[in-house]
């Protein structure tokens, strides 16, 4: 039954100084590794390019907001025949509370922060039974009968549950910040708002022609990004 068996190829020996494990090969390893390397390079370049675009778009949005003294309209951007993007100012999410450091900076720049930030109460203050007594049936019966003057009821039977709240950006902050002096609005924009970019490119072939040089080995930005990624990976280990 072994008539069709093929002779196994030699297993490559591990290099000296390695963990001495033998190495093998499977079809597709090069494809996967090459794709992952390109994706990492592209992610790094995208971060650099997107950061630069955001900075330019933020400057334009702030300029527009200061002119109209309110939240600016979104930007509809085009470049070339295929690139389309929408850039908009978005209020910072309530899921992202304003930190103490940011609050201090706002207060130092603005003074009165009303209209810019607000406190949201997630859980109001309330009275609750001390967990130490929740299974004391006799004690609960006494309370149930409203024997408030009964000195046998422990003073700490009822506890105050502190309120839970967080400081968030107000709904009207997008308008309020642009009524402030320009230099103040520019400094607090990053605390109160985020810049959202949604882009499309409707010709994948043309897009690849633009992207390919960005991840060429000679691209200094790619080299610097990959070097930083490798250093971060090494530190994580």
C-alpha atoms as a PDB file:
ATOM      1  CA  UNK A   1       0.000   0.000   0.000  1.00  0.00           C
ATOM      2  CA  UNK A   2       3.048   2.242   0.139  1.00  0.00           C
ATOM      3  CA  UNK A   3       3.767   1.893  -3.592  1.00  0.00           C
ATOM      4  CA  UNK A   4       2.779   5.514  -4.307  1.00  0.00           C
ATOM      5  CA  UNK A   5       4.590   6.990  -1.342  1.00  0.00           C
ATOM      6  CA  UNK A   6       7.057   9.773  -2.238  1.00  0.00           C
ATOM      7  CA  UNK A   7      10.460  10.295  -0.757  1.00  0.00           C
ATOM      8  CA  UNK A   8      10.323  13.050   1.813  1.00  0.00           C
ATOM      9  CA  UNK A   9      12.485  16.072   1.148  1.00  0.00           C
ATOM     10  CA  UNK A  10      15.267  16.961   3.579  1.00  0.00           C
ATOM     11  CA  UNK A  11      14.328  19.011   6.628  1.00  0.00           C
ATOM     12  CA  UNK A  12      16.413  22.143   6.866  1.00  0.00           C
ATOM     13  CA  UNK A  13      18.629  22.340   9.896  1.00  0.00           C
ATOM     14  CA  UNK A  14      18.140  25.212  12.297  1.00  0.00           C
ATOM     15  CA  UNK A  15      20.748  27.922  12.336  1.00  0.00           C
ATOM     16  CA  UNK A  16      23.251  28.020  15.142  1.00  0.00           C
ATOM     17  CA  UNK A  17      22.156  30.146  18.043  1.00  0.00           C
ATOM     18  CA  UNK A  18      18.455  29.500  17.405  1.00  0.00           C
ATOM     19  CA  UNK A  19      16.174  27.351  19.532  1.00  0.00           C
ATOM     20  CA  UNK A  20      17.459  24.315  17.551  1.00  0.00           C
ATOM     21  CA  UNK A  21      14.000  23.417  16.250  1.00  0.00           C
ATOM     22  CA  UNK A  22      13.894  22.090  12.659  1.00  0.00           C
ATOM     23  CA  UNK A  23      12.099  24.238  10.092  1.00  0.00           C
ATOM     24  CA  UNK A  24       9.571  23.195   7.473  1.00  0.00           C
ATOM     25  CA  UNK A  25       7.698  24.859   4.661  1.00  0.00           C
ATOM     26  CA  UNK A  26       4.074  24.962   3.529  1.00  0.00           C
ATOM     27  CA  UNK A  27       2.618  26.522   0.426  1.00  0.00           C
ATOM     28  CA  UNK A  28       1.197  29.956   1.158  1.00  0.00           C
ATOM     29  CA  UNK A  29       3.604  30.984   3.901  1.00  0.00           C
ATOM     30  CA  UNK A  30       5.301  33.549   1.670  1.00  0.00           C
ATOM     31  CA  UNK A  31       1.941  34.944   0.496  1.00  0.00           C
ATOM     32  CA  UNK A  32       0.612  35.403   4.024  1.00  0.00           C
ATOM     33  CA  UNK A  33       3.829  36.881   5.374  1.00  0.00           C
ATOM     34  CA  UNK A  34       4.182  39.221   2.404  1.00  0.00           C
ATOM     35  CA  UNK A  35       0.597  40.436   2.758  1.00  0.00           C
ATOM     36  CA  UNK A  36       0.997  40.996   6.493  1.00  0.00           C
ATOM     37  CA  UNK A  37       4.207  42.958   5.917  1.00  0.00           C
ATOM     38  CA  UNK A  38       2.501  45.158   3.310  1.00  0.00           C
ATOM     39  CA  UNK A  39      -0.575  45.672   5.492  1.00  0.00           C
ATOM     40  CA  UNK A  40       1.604  46.748   8.423  1.00  0.00           C
ATOM     41  CA  UNK A  41       3.473  49.134   6.186  1.00  0.00           C
ATOM     42  CA  UNK A  42       0.229  50.514   4.791  1.00  0.00           C
ATOM     43  CA  UNK A  43      -1.262  50.959   8.269  1.00  0.00           C
ATOM     44  CA  UNK A  44       1.780  52.943   9.319  1.00  0.00           C
ATOM     45  CA  UNK A  45       1.727  55.154   6.229  1.00  0.00           C
ATOM     46  CA  UNK A  46      -2.053  55.610   6.540  1.00  0.00           C
ATOM     47  CA  UNK A  47      -1.636  56.839  10.100  1.00  0.00           C
ATOM     48  CA  UNK A  48       0.961  59.382   8.990  1.00  0.00           C
ATOM     49  CA  UNK A  49      -1.092  60.600   6.016  1.00  0.00           C
ATOM     50  CA  UNK A  50      -4.383  60.648   7.926  1.00  0.00           C
ATOM     51  CA  UNK A  51      -2.857  62.613  10.802  1.00  0.00           C
ATOM     52  CA  UNK A  52      -1.564  65.233   8.356  1.00  0.00           C
ATOM     53  CA  UNK A  53      -4.955  65.448   6.618  1.00  0.00           C
ATOM     54  CA  UNK A  54      -6.765  65.750   9.952  1.00  0.00           C
ATOM     55  CA  UNK A  55      -4.517  68.602  11.059  1.00  0.00           C
ATOM     56  CA  UNK A  56      -5.179  70.492   7.826  1.00  0.00           C
ATOM     57  CA  UNK A  57      -8.922  69.780   7.996  1.00  0.00           C
ATOM     58  CA  UNK A  58      -9.126  70.838  11.655  1.00  0.00           C
ATOM     59  CA  UNK A  59      -7.469  74.133  10.839  1.00  0.00           C
ATOM     60  CA  UNK A  60     -10.038  74.726   8.087  1.00  0.00           C
ATOM     61  CA  UNK A  61     -12.973  73.717  10.316  1.00  0.00           C
ATOM     62  CA  UNK A  62     -11.799  76.017  13.108  1.00  0.00           C
ATOM     63  CA  UNK A  63     -11.387  78.866  10.628  1.00  0.00           C
ATOM     64  CA  UNK A  64     -14.948  78.330   9.351  1.00  0.00           C
ATOM     65  CA  UNK A  65     -16.369  78.037  12.867  1.00  0.00           C
ATOM     66  CA  UNK A  66     -14.752  81.284  13.997  1.00  0.00           C
ATOM     67  CA  UNK A  67     -16.185  83.125  11.007  1.00  0.00           C
ATOM     68  CA  UNK A  68     -19.755  81.979  11.673  1.00  0.00           C
ATOM     69  CA  UNK A  69     -19.394  81.829  15.494  1.00  0.00           C
ATOM     70  CA  UNK A  70     -20.910  78.362  15.567  1.00  0.00           C
ATOM     71  CA  UNK A  71     -20.186  74.763  14.623  1.00  0.00           C
ATOM     72  CA  UNK A  72     -18.933  74.620  11.006  1.00  0.00           C
ATOM     73  CA  UNK A  73     -20.503  72.562   8.253  1.00  0.00           C
ATOM     74  CA  UNK A  74     -18.672  69.457   7.121  1.00  0.00           C
ATOM     75  CA  UNK A  75     -16.094  69.638   4.343  1.00  0.00           C
ATOM     76  CA  UNK A  76     -16.711  67.810   1.070  1.00  0.00           C
ATOM     77  CA  UNK A  77     -13.272  67.179  -0.370  1.00  0.00           C
ATOM     78  CA  UNK A  78     -12.184  65.974  -3.795  1.00  0.00           C
ATOM     79  CA  UNK A  79      -8.790  65.341  -5.337  1.00  0.00           C
ATOM     80  CA  UNK A  80      -8.234  63.986  -8.807  1.00  0.00           C
ATOM     81  CA  UNK A  81     -10.897  61.997 -10.625  1.00  0.00           C
ATOM     82  CA  UNK A  82     -11.601  59.314  -8.030  1.00  0.00           C
ATOM     83  CA  UNK A  83     -10.955  60.553  -4.474  1.00  0.00           C
ATOM     84  CA  UNK A  84     -13.883  61.789  -2.421  1.00  0.00           C
ATOM     85  CA  UNK A  85     -13.950  62.493   1.319  1.00  0.00           C
ATOM     86  CA  UNK A  86     -16.200  64.026   3.910  1.00  0.00           C
ATOM     87  CA  UNK A  87     -14.590  65.636   6.955  1.00  0.00           C
ATOM     88  CA  UNK A  88     -16.756  66.713   9.852  1.00  0.00           C
ATOM     89  CA  UNK A  89     -16.387  68.047  13.354  1.00  0.00           C
ATOM     90  CA  UNK A  90     -18.032  65.752  15.889  1.00  0.00           C
ATOM     91  CA  UNK A  91     -18.705  66.469  19.535  1.00  0.00           C
ATOM     92  CA  UNK A  92     -16.610  64.324  21.831  1.00  0.00           C
ATOM     93  CA  UNK A  93     -18.605  61.269  22.866  1.00  0.00           C
ATOM     94  CA  UNK A  94     -20.167  61.104  26.331  1.00  0.00           C
ATOM     95  CA  UNK A  95     -18.445  57.722  26.623  1.00  0.00           C
ATOM     96  CA  UNK A  96     -15.173  59.657  26.803  1.00  0.00           C
ATOM     97  CA  UNK A  97     -15.255  61.668  30.053  1.00  0.00           C
ATOM     98  CA  UNK A  98     -13.211  64.860  30.355  1.00  0.00           C
ATOM     99  CA  UNK A  99     -10.166  64.170  32.538  1.00  0.00           C
ATOM    100  CA  UNK A 100      -9.098  66.270  35.500  1.00  0.00           C
ATOM    101  CA  UNK A 101      -6.092  67.559  33.536  1.00  0.00           C
ATOM    102  CA  UNK A 102      -8.307  68.585  30.607  1.00  0.00           C
ATOM    103  CA  UNK A 103     -10.772  70.225  32.978  1.00  0.00           C
ATOM    104  CA  UNK A 104      -7.977  72.239  34.569  1.00  0.00           C
ATOM    105  CA  UNK A 105      -6.750  73.358  31.145  1.00  0.00           C
ATOM    106  CA  UNK A 106     -10.250  74.392  30.103  1.00  0.00           C
ATOM    107  CA  UNK A 107     -10.750  76.337  33.304  1.00  0.00           C
ATOM    108  CA  UNK A 108      -7.423  78.131  32.904  1.00  0.00           C
ATOM    109  CA  UNK A 109      -8.183  79.107  29.319  1.00  0.00           C
ATOM    110  CA  UNK A 110     -11.885  79.842  29.525  1.00  0.00           C
ATOM    111  CA  UNK A 111     -12.686  80.489  33.167  1.00  0.00           C
ATOM    112  CA  UNK A 112     -16.399  79.725  33.077  1.00  0.00           C
ATOM    113  CA  UNK A 113     -16.804  76.298  31.444  1.00  0.00           C
ATOM    114  CA  UNK A 114     -20.606  76.343  31.433  1.00  0.00           C
ATOM    115  CA  UNK A 115     -21.901  75.569  27.969  1.00  0.00           C
ATOM    116  CA  UNK A 116     -18.781  73.573  27.211  1.00  0.00           C
ATOM    117  CA  UNK A 117     -18.948  70.742  29.700  1.00  0.00           C
ATOM    118  CA  UNK A 118     -21.565  69.288  32.029  1.00  0.00           C
ATOM    119  CA  UNK A 119     -21.872  66.671  34.726  1.00  0.00           C
ATOM    120  CA  UNK A 120     -23.908  63.570  33.904  1.00  0.00           C
ATOM    121  CA  UNK A 121     -25.207  61.566  36.857  1.00  0.00           C
ATOM    122  CA  UNK A 122     -25.032  57.860  36.071  1.00  0.00           C
ATOM    123  CA  UNK A 123     -26.331  56.724  39.440  1.00  0.00           C
ATOM    124  CA  UNK A 124     -28.013  59.156  41.849  1.00  0.00           C
ATOM    125  CA  UNK A 125     -27.251  59.228  45.531  1.00  0.00           C
ATOM    126  CA  UNK A 126     -29.536  56.892  47.472  1.00  0.00           C
ATOM    127  CA  UNK A 127     -30.045  55.258  50.826  1.00  0.00           C
ATOM    128  CA  UNK A 128     -29.497  51.552  51.028  1.00  0.00           C
ATOM    129  CA  UNK A 129     -29.517  48.898  53.688  1.00  0.00           C
ATOM    130  CA  UNK A 130     -26.119  48.001  55.063  1.00  0.00           C
ATOM    131  CA  UNK A 131     -25.312  44.582  53.520  1.00  0.00           C
ATOM    132  CA  UNK A 132     -24.279  43.384  56.975  1.00  0.00           C
ATOM    133  CA  UNK A 133     -27.961  43.381  58.047  1.00  0.00           C
ATOM    134  CA  UNK A 134     -29.818  42.215  54.927  1.00  0.00           C
ATOM    135  CA  UNK A 135     -30.296  38.686  56.305  1.00  0.00           C
ATOM    136  CA  UNK A 136     -31.374  39.803  59.760  1.00  0.00           C
ATOM    137  CA  UNK A 137     -35.090  39.003  59.519  1.00  0.00           C
ATOM    138  CA  UNK A 138     -35.918  40.290  62.979  1.00  0.00           C
ATOM    139  CA  UNK A 139     -34.267  43.593  62.279  1.00  0.00           C
ATOM    140  CA  UNK A 140     -36.042  43.916  58.940  1.00  0.00           C
ATOM    141  CA  UNK A 141     -39.353  43.283  60.604  1.00  0.00           C
ATOM    142  CA  UNK A 142     -38.672  46.090  63.059  1.00  0.00           C
ATOM    143  CA  UNK A 143     -37.965  48.445  60.217  1.00  0.00           C
ATOM    144  CA  UNK A 144     -41.036  47.200  58.392  1.00  0.00           C
ATOM    145  CA  UNK A 145     -43.165  48.245  61.330  1.00  0.00           C
ATOM    146  CA  UNK A 146     -41.584  51.695  61.209  1.00  0.00           C
ATOM    147  CA  UNK A 147     -40.315  51.534  64.743  1.00  0.00           C
ATOM    148  CA  UNK A 148     -38.118  54.533  64.106  1.00  0.00           C
ATOM    149  CA  UNK A 149     -37.598  55.265  67.760  1.00  0.00           C
ATOM    150  CA  UNK A 150     -36.448  51.786  68.635  1.00  0.00           C
ATOM    151  CA  UNK A 151     -32.932  52.258  69.988  1.00  0.00           C
ATOM    152  CA  UNK A 152     -32.061  48.653  69.220  1.00  0.00           C
ATOM    153  CA  UNK A 153     -31.854  49.439  65.506  1.00  0.00           C
ATOM    154  CA  UNK A 154     -28.164  50.031  64.627  1.00  0.00           C
ATOM    155  CA  UNK A 155     -27.332  53.570  63.599  1.00  0.00           C
ATOM    156  CA  UNK A 156     -25.577  52.372  60.419  1.00  0.00           C
ATOM    157  CA  UNK A 157     -28.443  50.118  59.308  1.00  0.00           C
ATOM    158  CA  UNK A 158     -29.183  52.585  56.510  1.00  0.00           C
ATOM    159  CA  UNK A 159     -26.225  53.733  54.444  1.00  0.00           C
ATOM    160  CA  UNK A 160     -25.809  56.466  51.840  1.00  0.00           C
ATOM    161  CA  UNK A 161     -24.794  55.164  48.437  1.00  0.00           C
ATOM    162  CA  UNK A 162     -22.725  57.946  46.840  1.00  0.00           C
ATOM    163  CA  UNK A 163     -23.768  59.245  43.452  1.00  0.00           C
ATOM    164  CA  UNK A 164     -21.697  58.256  40.431  1.00  0.00           C
ATOM    165  CA  UNK A 165     -21.187  60.991  37.853  1.00  0.00           C
ATOM    166  CA  UNK A 166     -18.795  62.012  35.098  1.00  0.00           C
ATOM    167  CA  UNK A 167     -17.892  65.214  33.328  1.00  0.00           C
ATOM    168  CA  UNK A 168     -18.648  65.199  29.606  1.00  0.00           C
ATOM    169  CA  UNK A 169     -18.747  67.653  26.718  1.00  0.00           C
ATOM    170  CA  UNK A 170     -22.045  69.551  26.489  1.00  0.00           C
ATOM    171  CA  UNK A 171     -24.295  69.269  23.449  1.00  0.00           C
ATOM    172  CA  UNK A 172     -23.860  72.966  22.693  1.00  0.00           C
ATOM    173  CA  UNK A 173     -20.082  72.991  23.034  1.00  0.00           C
ATOM    174  CA  UNK A 174     -19.624  72.889  19.265  1.00  0.00           C
ATOM    175  CA  UNK A 175     -21.230  76.305  18.979  1.00  0.00           C
ATOM    176  CA  UNK A 176     -19.987  77.779  22.262  1.00  0.00           C
ATOM    177  CA  UNK A 177     -16.286  77.227  21.585  1.00  0.00           C
ATOM    178  CA  UNK A 178     -16.386  79.336  18.428  1.00  0.00           C
ATOM    179  CA  UNK A 179     -17.684  82.325  20.333  1.00  0.00           C
ATOM    180  CA  UNK A 180     -14.406  82.399  22.236  1.00  0.00           C
ATOM    181  CA  UNK A 181     -11.192  84.114  21.056  1.00  0.00           C
ATOM    182  CA  UNK A 182      -9.514  82.321  18.167  1.00  0.00           C
ATOM    183  CA  UNK A 183      -6.414  81.327  20.135  1.00  0.00           C
ATOM    184  CA  UNK A 184      -8.603  79.759  22.845  1.00  0.00           C
ATOM    185  CA  UNK A 185     -10.827  77.888  20.376  1.00  0.00           C
ATOM    186  CA  UNK A 186      -7.762  76.441  18.687  1.00  0.00           C
ATOM    187  CA  UNK A 187      -6.405  75.125  21.992  1.00  0.00           C
ATOM    188  CA  UNK A 188      -9.627  73.573  23.289  1.00  0.00           C
ATOM    189  CA  UNK A 189     -10.849  72.065  20.002  1.00  0.00           C
ATOM    190  CA  UNK A 190      -9.015  68.805  20.688  1.00  0.00           C
ATOM    191  CA  UNK A 191     -10.657  68.512  24.124  1.00  0.00           C
ATOM    192  CA  UNK A 192     -14.211  69.181  23.023  1.00  0.00           C
ATOM    193  CA  UNK A 193     -14.339  67.700  19.539  1.00  0.00           C
ATOM    194  CA  UNK A 194     -12.965  65.085  17.171  1.00  0.00           C
ATOM    195  CA  UNK A 195     -12.488  65.264  13.416  1.00  0.00           C
ATOM    196  CA  UNK A 196     -14.107  62.411  11.508  1.00  0.00           C
ATOM    197  CA  UNK A 197     -12.933  61.489   8.008  1.00  0.00           C
ATOM    198  CA  UNK A 198     -14.830  59.228   5.622  1.00  0.00           C
ATOM    199  CA  UNK A 199     -13.209  58.690   2.253  1.00  0.00           C
ATOM    200  CA  UNK A 200     -13.807  56.658  -0.890  1.00  0.00           C
ATOM    201  CA  UNK A 201     -11.724  55.926  -3.979  1.00  0.00           C
ATOM    202  CA  UNK A 202     -13.747  54.477  -6.836  1.00  0.00           C
ATOM    203  CA  UNK A 203     -10.935  53.003  -8.960  1.00  0.00           C
ATOM    204  CA  UNK A 204      -8.992  50.270  -7.179  1.00  0.00           C
ATOM    205  CA  UNK A 205      -6.441  49.889  -9.954  1.00  0.00           C
ATOM    206  CA  UNK A 206      -5.633  53.574  -9.959  1.00  0.00           C
ATOM    207  CA  UNK A 207      -5.577  53.546  -6.150  1.00  0.00           C
ATOM    208  CA  UNK A 208      -2.965  50.787  -6.141  1.00  0.00           C
ATOM    209  CA  UNK A 209      -0.768  52.796  -8.527  1.00  0.00           C
ATOM    210  CA  UNK A 210      -0.793  55.622  -5.977  1.00  0.00           C
ATOM    211  CA  UNK A 211      -0.241  53.365  -2.962  1.00  0.00           C
ATOM    212  CA  UNK A 212       2.520  51.134  -4.359  1.00  0.00           C
ATOM    213  CA  UNK A 213       5.300  53.755  -4.154  1.00  0.00           C
ATOM    214  CA  UNK A 214       4.276  54.548  -0.578  1.00  0.00           C
ATOM    215  CA  UNK A 215       5.376  51.108   0.620  1.00  0.00           C
ATOM    216  CA  UNK A 216       8.473  50.835  -1.538  1.00  0.00           C
ATOM    217  CA  UNK A 217      11.587  49.799   0.431  1.00  0.00           C
ATOM    218  CA  UNK A 218      13.159  53.169  -0.348  1.00  0.00           C
ATOM    219  CA  UNK A 219      10.287  55.075   1.269  1.00  0.00           C
ATOM    220  CA  UNK A 220      11.741  56.758   4.359  1.00  0.00           C
ATOM    221  CA  UNK A 221       8.348  57.091   6.057  1.00  0.00           C
ATOM    222  CA  UNK A 222       7.715  53.363   5.730  1.00  0.00           C
ATOM    223  CA  UNK A 223      11.166  52.508   7.063  1.00  0.00           C
ATOM    224  CA  UNK A 224      10.689  54.755  10.088  1.00  0.00           C
ATOM    225  CA  UNK A 225       7.215  53.362  10.781  1.00  0.00           C
ATOM    226  CA  UNK A 226       8.299  49.720  10.528  1.00  0.00           C
ATOM    227  CA  UNK A 227      11.314  50.423  12.727  1.00  0.00           C
ATOM    228  CA  UNK A 228       9.032  51.941  15.371  1.00  0.00           C
ATOM    229  CA  UNK A 229       6.670  48.963  15.129  1.00  0.00           C
ATOM    230  CA  UNK A 230       9.500  46.496  15.570  1.00  0.00           C
ATOM    231  CA  UNK A 231      10.829  48.407  18.577  1.00  0.00           C
ATOM    232  CA  UNK A 232       7.376  48.504  20.151  1.00  0.00           C
ATOM    233  CA  UNK A 233       6.952  44.775  19.511  1.00  0.00           C
ATOM    234  CA  UNK A 234      10.325  44.011  21.090  1.00  0.00           C
ATOM    235  CA  UNK A 235       9.462  46.054  24.192  1.00  0.00           C
ATOM    236  CA  UNK A 236       6.114  44.255  24.504  1.00  0.00           C
ATOM    237  CA  UNK A 237       7.915  40.917  24.645  1.00  0.00           C
END
